[in-house]
Amino acid sequence: MSRPRLCRKINFNPDITYFKPQGVPMRELEIVELTTEEMEAYRLRYINDLEQKEAAEKMHTSQSTYQRILHSAYKKIADALINGKAIKIIKK
């Protein structure tokens, strides 16, 4: 049995939840789902310029968990950009 998931603090609620390549209809695109948790980790690091320790504290999580969340965001964003996929931001 796995451990219950802890609540992480997320101070970012995006108004826009889809990003897609220009000129390609949505029905033709694969979709990469990015969680608000991943967006928050990415935002804290690259918009707020916080170091890993500070960002983890803001999200109420450990540094190693924060790093896993951020790495997951990197992979999904890179996949969407390199392979021309849409990004959908989901609440999880």
C-alpha atoms as a PDB file:
ATOM      1  CA  MET A   1       0.000   0.000   0.000  1.00  0.00           C
ATOM      2  CA  SER A   2       1.448   3.363  -0.999  1.00  0.00           C
ATOM      3  CA  ARG A   3       1.726   6.379   1.235  1.00  0.00           C
ATOM      4  CA  PRO A   4      -1.094   8.917   1.049  1.00  0.00           C
ATOM      5  CA  ARG A   5      -0.270  11.941  -1.031  1.00  0.00           C
ATOM      6  CA  LEU A   6       0.419  15.122   0.925  1.00  0.00           C
ATOM      7  CA  CYS A   7      -1.214  18.435   0.061  1.00  0.00           C
ATOM      8  CA  ARG A   8       1.227  20.730  -1.636  1.00  0.00           C
ATOM      9  CA  LYS A   9       0.785  24.470  -1.597  1.00  0.00           C
ATOM     10  CA  ILE A  10       0.027  25.896  -5.031  1.00  0.00           C
ATOM     11  CA  ASN A  11      -0.280  29.661  -5.415  1.00  0.00           C
ATOM     12  CA  PHE A  12      -0.800  29.586  -9.161  1.00  0.00           C
ATOM     13  CA  ASN A  13      -4.158  29.162 -10.829  1.00  0.00           C
ATOM     14  CA  PRO A  14      -3.772  29.666 -14.588  1.00  0.00           C
ATOM     15  CA  ASP A  15      -6.482  31.416 -16.583  1.00  0.00           C
ATOM     16  CA  ILE A  16      -5.269  29.747 -19.759  1.00  0.00           C
ATOM     17  CA  THR A  17      -5.147  25.951 -19.683  1.00  0.00           C
ATOM     18  CA  TYR A  18      -4.180  25.052 -23.269  1.00  0.00           C
ATOM     19  CA  PHE A  19      -1.152  25.878 -25.398  1.00  0.00           C
ATOM     20  CA  LYS A  20      -0.760  24.527 -28.908  1.00  0.00           C
ATOM     21  CA  PRO A  21       1.338  24.933 -32.031  1.00  0.00           C
ATOM     22  CA  GLN A  22       0.002  27.662 -34.302  1.00  0.00           C
ATOM     23  CA  GLY A  23      -1.785  26.591 -37.458  1.00  0.00           C
ATOM     24  CA  VAL A  24      -2.523  23.004 -36.396  1.00  0.00           C
ATOM     25  CA  PRO A  25      -6.102  22.106 -35.413  1.00  0.00           C
ATOM     26  CA  MET A  26      -6.477  20.652 -31.899  1.00  0.00           C
ATOM     27  CA  ARG A  27      -8.096  17.494 -33.248  1.00  0.00           C
ATOM     28  CA  GLU A  28      -4.823  16.676 -35.034  1.00  0.00           C
ATOM     29  CA  LEU A  29      -2.597  17.141 -31.988  1.00  0.00           C
ATOM     30  CA  GLU A  30      -1.493  14.843 -29.231  1.00  0.00           C
ATOM     31  CA  ILE A  31      -1.919  16.415 -25.790  1.00  0.00           C
ATOM     32  CA  VAL A  32       0.619  16.498 -22.973  1.00  0.00           C
ATOM     33  CA  GLU A  33      -1.016  17.003 -19.564  1.00  0.00           C
ATOM     34  CA  LEU A  34       0.889  19.237 -17.171  1.00  0.00           C
ATOM     35  CA  THR A  35      -0.405  19.396 -13.597  1.00  0.00           C
ATOM     36  CA  THR A  36      -0.802  22.654 -11.688  1.00  0.00           C
ATOM     37  CA  GLU A  37       1.746  21.195  -9.271  1.00  0.00           C
ATOM     38  CA  GLU A  38       4.285  20.911 -12.095  1.00  0.00           C
ATOM     39  CA  MET A  39       3.436  24.410 -13.315  1.00  0.00           C
ATOM     40  CA  GLU A  40       3.924  25.792  -9.801  1.00  0.00           C
ATOM     41  CA  ALA A  41       7.334  24.131  -9.498  1.00  0.00           C
ATOM     42  CA  TYR A  42       8.352  25.505 -12.901  1.00  0.00           C
ATOM     43  CA  ARG A  43       6.994  28.984 -12.053  1.00  0.00           C
ATOM     44  CA  LEU A  44       8.819  29.163  -8.730  1.00  0.00           C
ATOM     45  CA  ARG A  45      12.118  28.186 -10.354  1.00  0.00           C
ATOM     46  CA  TYR A  46      12.025  30.193 -13.585  1.00  0.00           C
ATOM     47  CA  ILE A  47       9.640  33.090 -13.000  1.00  0.00           C
ATOM     48  CA  ASN A  48      10.357  33.752  -9.317  1.00  0.00           C
ATOM     49  CA  ASP A  49      14.038  32.669  -9.616  1.00  0.00           C
ATOM     50  CA  LEU A  50      13.930  30.647  -6.404  1.00  0.00           C
ATOM     51  CA  GLU A  51      16.521  28.029  -5.549  1.00  0.00           C
ATOM     52  CA  GLN A  52      15.371  24.435  -5.059  1.00  0.00           C
ATOM     53  CA  LYS A  53      15.334  24.635  -1.253  1.00  0.00           C
ATOM     54  CA  GLU A  54      13.245  27.836  -1.189  1.00  0.00           C
ATOM     55  CA  ALA A  55      10.833  26.566  -3.829  1.00  0.00           C
ATOM     56  CA  ALA A  56      10.350  23.271  -1.987  1.00  0.00           C
ATOM     57  CA  GLU A  57       9.574  25.159   1.217  1.00  0.00           C
ATOM     58  CA  LYS A  58       7.016  27.329  -0.585  1.00  0.00           C
ATOM     59  CA  MET A  59       5.317  24.211  -1.926  1.00  0.00           C
ATOM     60  CA  HIS A  60       5.460  22.518   1.514  1.00  0.00           C
ATOM     61  CA  THR A  61       7.390  19.540   0.202  1.00  0.00           C
ATOM     62  CA  SER A  62      10.867  18.027   0.448  1.00  0.00           C
ATOM     63  CA  GLN A  63      13.655  19.050  -1.898  1.00  0.00           C
ATOM     64  CA  SER A  64      13.755  15.608  -3.478  1.00  0.00           C
ATOM     65  CA  THR A  65      10.005  15.618  -4.155  1.00  0.00           C
ATOM     66  CA  TYR A  66      10.230  19.152  -5.561  1.00  0.00           C
ATOM     67  CA  GLN A  67      13.061  18.023  -7.858  1.00  0.00           C
ATOM     68  CA  ARG A  68      10.970  15.064  -9.113  1.00  0.00           C
ATOM     69  CA  ILE A  69       8.012  17.369  -9.815  1.00  0.00           C
ATOM     70  CA  LEU A  70      10.239  19.873 -11.656  1.00  0.00           C
ATOM     71  CA  HIS A  71      11.934  17.121 -13.676  1.00  0.00           C
ATOM     72  CA  SER A  72       8.525  15.795 -14.718  1.00  0.00           C
ATOM     73  CA  ALA A  73       7.544  19.296 -15.874  1.00  0.00           C
ATOM     74  CA  TYR A  74      10.785  19.599 -17.895  1.00  0.00           C
ATOM     75  CA  LYS A  75      10.152  16.319 -19.685  1.00  0.00           C
ATOM     76  CA  LYS A  76       6.551  17.161 -20.554  1.00  0.00           C
ATOM     77  CA  ILE A  77       7.331  20.680 -21.765  1.00  0.00           C
ATOM     78  CA  ALA A  78      10.275  19.442 -23.837  1.00  0.00           C
ATOM     79  CA  ASP A  79       8.131  16.671 -25.356  1.00  0.00           C
ATOM     80  CA  ALA A  80       5.456  19.186 -26.356  1.00  0.00           C
ATOM     81  CA  LEU A  81       7.930  21.669 -27.856  1.00  0.00           C
ATOM     82  CA  ILE A  82      10.120  19.160 -29.691  1.00  0.00           C
ATOM     83  CA  ASN A  83       7.303  16.934 -30.966  1.00  0.00           C
ATOM     84  CA  GLY A  84       4.714  19.631 -31.713  1.00  0.00           C
ATOM     85  CA  LYS A  85       2.153  18.587 -29.099  1.00  0.00           C
ATOM     86  CA  ALA A  86      -0.430  20.658 -27.263  1.00  0.00           C
ATOM     87  CA  ILE A  87      -0.069  21.306 -23.527  1.00  0.00           C
ATOM     88  CA  LYS A  88      -3.100  21.019 -21.278  1.00  0.00           C
ATOM     89  CA  ILE A  89      -2.826  22.251 -17.686  1.00  0.00           C
ATOM     90  CA  ILE A  90      -4.881  20.091 -15.357  1.00  0.00           C
ATOM     91  CA  LYS A  91      -5.731  20.292 -11.672  1.00  0.00           C
ATOM     92  CA  LYS A  92      -4.667  17.208  -9.782  1.00  0.00           C
END
